[in-house]
Amino acid sequence: MKKILILCFLFVVGSVSAQKYYTKTGETDFKASVEAFEPVEAKSNSTTVILKTDSGDIAALLFMKSFHFKVALMEEHFNENYMDSDKYPKATFKGKLKDFNMSDLSSTAKEMKLSGTLTVRGKAKDIQTTAMVSKDGDKIIIKSMFSVKPQDFGIDIPSIVRNKIAKEINVTLNYELIEKK
C-alpha cells in the first residue's frame, strides 16, 4: 500500500512540475517609426508561446506574414523586400524567465529577467530584457519590450528609405497563457 501511495505522490508531483501554459493568440508588435514620417509599425495577434512552469523555459513562434500594417504597401514591402517571408517564414524565440516560480505569481506583476535567443531570417541574436509576469485567474500574463537592429538579422534598408525607418526597432510582447491540458 505504501508503494502505491508513493508512486501516486511521485506521479502527481511529476505532473504538477511539468505544467505547461500556452497561447496561440499572443500579441507581438513592433515600431520602427521616425518622427516626421509615416509610422512604420505592425502587429501580430497569432504568436504561439509555450511556458514550462517547472523551469521558466519559454518558446515562441511567429509567422512573419502574420504582421499587419495600417498601409498595405508597407506590409507588402516588409514581406517581400525586407523579411523575405517566403524564404524565412517564421521568427522564433527560445529562452528562460529567471527565477520563475508559479507559487509567487499574483495579480500584481512581478519583474523577471528574460533571456534567450531570437532567430529572424535564419540569424540568431541573444536577447536580455525584463518581463512583467502576473496571474489573472487561471491565466499567466507576460509583458515585455526589447529593441533590435535590422542589421542584426541581415536586413538591408535601402538608402532611399533609410532615414524613414528607425535604427532600432522596438518589439513589444503581450501574452495571455492558459494551462495546456
Protein backbone atom coordinates (compact mmCIF):
# COMPACT_ATOMS: atom_id res chain seq x y z
CA MET A 1 0.00 0.00 0.00
CA LYS A 2 2.85 2.40 0.88
CA LYS A 3 4.44 1.73 -2.51
CA ILE A 4 1.21 2.61 -4.29
CA LEU A 5 0.87 5.86 -2.30
CA ILE A 6 4.48 6.81 -3.02
CA LEU A 7 4.02 6.09 -6.74
CA CYS A 8 0.81 8.17 -6.79
CA PHE A 9 2.59 11.01 -4.98
CA LEU A 10 5.51 10.94 -7.44
CA PHE A 11 3.09 10.88 -10.36
CA VAL A 12 1.17 13.91 -9.02
CA VAL A 13 4.37 15.84 -8.24
CA GLY A 14 5.75 14.98 -11.69
CA SER A 15 2.52 16.12 -13.33
CA VAL A 16 2.40 19.40 -11.42
CA SER A 17 6.04 20.22 -12.10
CA ALA A 18 5.60 19.51 -15.80
CA GLN A 19 2.75 22.00 -16.28
CA LYS A 20 2.80 23.98 -19.49
CA TYR A 21 0.96 27.17 -20.28
CA TYR A 22 0.45 28.36 -23.83
CA THR A 23 -1.27 30.69 -26.24
CA LYS A 24 -1.80 30.75 -29.99
CA THR A 25 -3.07 34.33 -29.94
CA GLY A 26 -0.11 36.15 -28.37
CA GLU A 27 0.28 39.79 -29.38
CA THR A 28 3.64 40.90 -30.78
CA ASP A 29 4.07 44.49 -32.03
CA PHE A 30 6.98 46.36 -33.48
CA LYS A 31 7.62 50.02 -34.11
CA ALA A 32 10.35 51.37 -36.34
CA SER A 33 8.98 54.88 -36.77
CA VAL A 34 10.91 58.10 -37.20
CA GLU A 35 9.30 61.44 -36.38
CA ALA A 36 8.01 63.48 -39.34
CA PHE A 37 7.50 60.36 -41.46
CA GLU A 38 4.67 57.87 -41.82
CA PRO A 39 4.58 55.45 -38.85
CA VAL A 40 6.32 52.15 -39.51
CA GLU A 41 4.59 49.74 -37.16
CA ALA A 42 2.84 46.40 -37.30
CA LYS A 43 1.02 43.94 -35.07
CA SER A 44 0.62 40.18 -35.00
CA ASN A 45 -2.10 38.55 -32.91
CA SER A 46 -1.06 35.00 -33.62
CA THR A 47 2.19 34.36 -31.80
CA THR A 48 2.34 30.84 -30.36
CA VAL A 49 4.03 30.73 -26.94
CA ILE A 50 4.71 27.86 -24.53
CA LEU A 51 5.92 28.30 -20.94
CA LYS A 52 7.11 25.40 -18.79
CA THR A 53 6.16 26.36 -15.25
CA ASP A 54 8.64 23.99 -13.60
CA SER A 55 11.67 25.62 -15.25
CA GLY A 56 10.61 29.03 -16.61
CA ASP A 57 11.62 27.88 -20.10
CA ILE A 58 9.72 29.80 -22.75
CA ALA A 59 9.48 29.38 -26.51
CA ALA A 60 7.66 31.48 -29.10
CA LEU A 61 6.91 31.07 -32.79
CA LEU A 62 5.65 33.84 -35.05
CA PHE A 63 4.95 33.72 -38.77
CA MET A 64 6.24 36.88 -40.44
CA LYS A 65 3.18 37.21 -42.69
CA SER A 66 1.01 37.48 -39.57
CA PHE A 67 2.25 41.05 -39.05
CA HIS A 68 -0.32 43.55 -40.29
CA PHE A 69 0.34 47.20 -41.11
CA LYS A 70 -2.12 50.07 -41.49
CA VAL A 71 -0.75 50.63 -45.00
CA ALA A 72 -0.99 47.59 -47.29
CA LEU A 73 2.01 48.66 -49.37
CA MET A 74 4.20 48.68 -46.25
CA GLU A 75 3.09 45.15 -45.47
CA GLU A 76 3.98 44.06 -49.00
CA HIS A 77 7.43 45.70 -48.82
CA PHE A 78 8.03 44.24 -45.36
CA ASN A 79 7.32 40.67 -46.53
CA GLU A 80 8.93 40.83 -49.97
CA ASN A 81 11.84 43.27 -49.67
CA TYR A 82 12.96 43.24 -46.04
CA MET A 83 11.95 39.97 -44.38
CA ASP A 84 11.93 37.73 -47.47
CA SER A 85 8.98 36.00 -45.77
CA ASP A 86 8.65 33.24 -48.38
CA LYS A 87 12.22 32.11 -47.73
CA TYR A 88 12.19 32.88 -43.96
CA PRO A 89 8.54 32.44 -42.94
CA LYS A 90 8.97 32.46 -39.17
CA ALA A 91 10.74 34.02 -36.23
CA THR A 92 11.44 32.06 -33.06
CA PHE A 93 12.47 32.82 -29.50
CA LYS A 94 13.83 30.25 -27.06
CA GLY A 95 14.66 31.46 -23.61
CA LYS A 96 14.03 31.47 -19.91
CA LEU A 97 12.29 33.57 -17.28
CA LYS A 98 14.87 33.62 -14.49
CA ASP A 99 13.65 32.65 -11.02
CA PHE A 100 10.18 31.84 -12.35
CA ASN A 101 8.04 30.34 -9.59
CA MET A 102 4.38 29.68 -10.20
CA SER A 103 3.52 29.99 -6.50
CA ASP A 104 4.95 33.54 -6.41
CA LEU A 105 2.59 34.83 -9.12
CA SER A 106 -0.33 37.09 -8.24
CA SER A 107 -2.39 39.82 -9.87
CA THR A 108 0.46 42.23 -9.09
CA ALA A 109 3.01 41.99 -11.89
CA LYS A 110 6.46 40.82 -10.85
CA GLU A 111 9.57 41.83 -12.79
CA MET A 112 11.67 38.91 -14.02
CA LYS A 113 14.75 38.69 -16.19
CA LEU A 114 14.02 37.25 -19.62
CA SER A 115 16.91 35.98 -21.68
CA GLY A 116 17.15 33.85 -24.76
CA THR A 117 17.81 33.69 -28.46
CA LEU A 118 15.69 35.42 -31.09
CA THR A 119 16.05 33.98 -34.59
CA VAL A 120 14.84 36.02 -37.57
CA ARG A 121 15.75 35.37 -41.21
CA GLY A 122 17.94 32.48 -40.06
CA LYS A 123 20.12 34.79 -37.93
CA ALA A 124 20.23 34.38 -34.14
CA LYS A 125 20.61 37.19 -31.62
CA ASP A 126 20.84 36.89 -27.84
CA ILE A 127 18.22 38.97 -26.05
CA GLN A 128 18.44 40.16 -22.44
CA THR A 129 15.47 42.11 -21.10
CA THR A 130 12.90 42.12 -18.32
CA ALA A 131 9.34 40.87 -18.34
CA MET A 132 6.41 41.75 -16.14
CA VAL A 133 4.70 38.50 -15.16
CA SER A 134 1.40 38.17 -13.31
CA LYS A 135 -1.52 35.81 -12.85
CA ASP A 136 -5.09 36.74 -13.71
CA GLY A 137 -7.42 33.92 -12.64
CA ASP A 138 -6.17 30.86 -14.47
CA LYS A 139 -4.05 32.85 -16.95
CA ILE A 140 -0.38 33.84 -16.81
CA ILE A 141 0.24 37.30 -18.28
CA ILE A 142 3.67 38.12 -19.71
CA LYS A 143 4.55 41.60 -20.98
CA SER A 144 7.95 42.68 -22.21
CA MET A 145 9.78 45.02 -24.55
CA PHE A 146 13.20 44.97 -26.21
CA SER A 147 14.98 46.58 -29.15
CA VAL A 148 16.83 45.07 -32.08
CA LYS A 149 18.66 46.46 -35.10
CA PRO A 150 17.81 45.41 -38.66
CA GLN A 151 21.46 44.58 -39.37
CA ASP A 152 21.39 42.03 -36.50
CA PHE A 153 19.32 39.86 -38.84
CA GLY A 154 20.91 40.74 -42.18
CA ILE A 155 18.13 43.16 -43.13
CA ASP A 156 19.41 45.77 -45.55
CA ILE A 157 17.50 49.05 -45.57
CA PRO A 158 17.87 50.79 -48.97
CA SER A 159 19.35 54.30 -48.78
CA ILE A 160 16.20 55.83 -50.32
CA VAL A 161 14.15 54.92 -47.20
CA ARG A 162 16.90 54.57 -44.56
CA ASN A 163 16.05 57.91 -42.92
CA LYS A 164 12.36 56.94 -42.68
CA ILE A 165 13.00 53.81 -40.61
CA ALA A 166 14.37 53.85 -37.07
CA LYS A 167 17.86 52.46 -36.48
CA GLU A 168 16.44 50.38 -33.62
CA ILE A 169 13.15 48.52 -33.79
CA ASN A 170 11.11 48.33 -30.57
CA VAL A 171 9.39 44.99 -30.09
CA THR A 172 6.55 44.66 -27.56
CA LEU A 173 5.18 41.35 -26.28
CA ASN A 174 1.81 40.85 -24.60
CA TYR A 175 0.91 37.22 -23.93
CA GLU A 176 -2.00 35.65 -22.01
CA LEU A 177 -1.20 31.99 -21.42
CA ILE A 178 -3.62 29.28 -20.35
CA GLU A 179 -2.82 25.84 -18.96
CA LYS A 180 -2.24 23.21 -21.61
CA LYS A 181 -4.30 20.15 -20.76
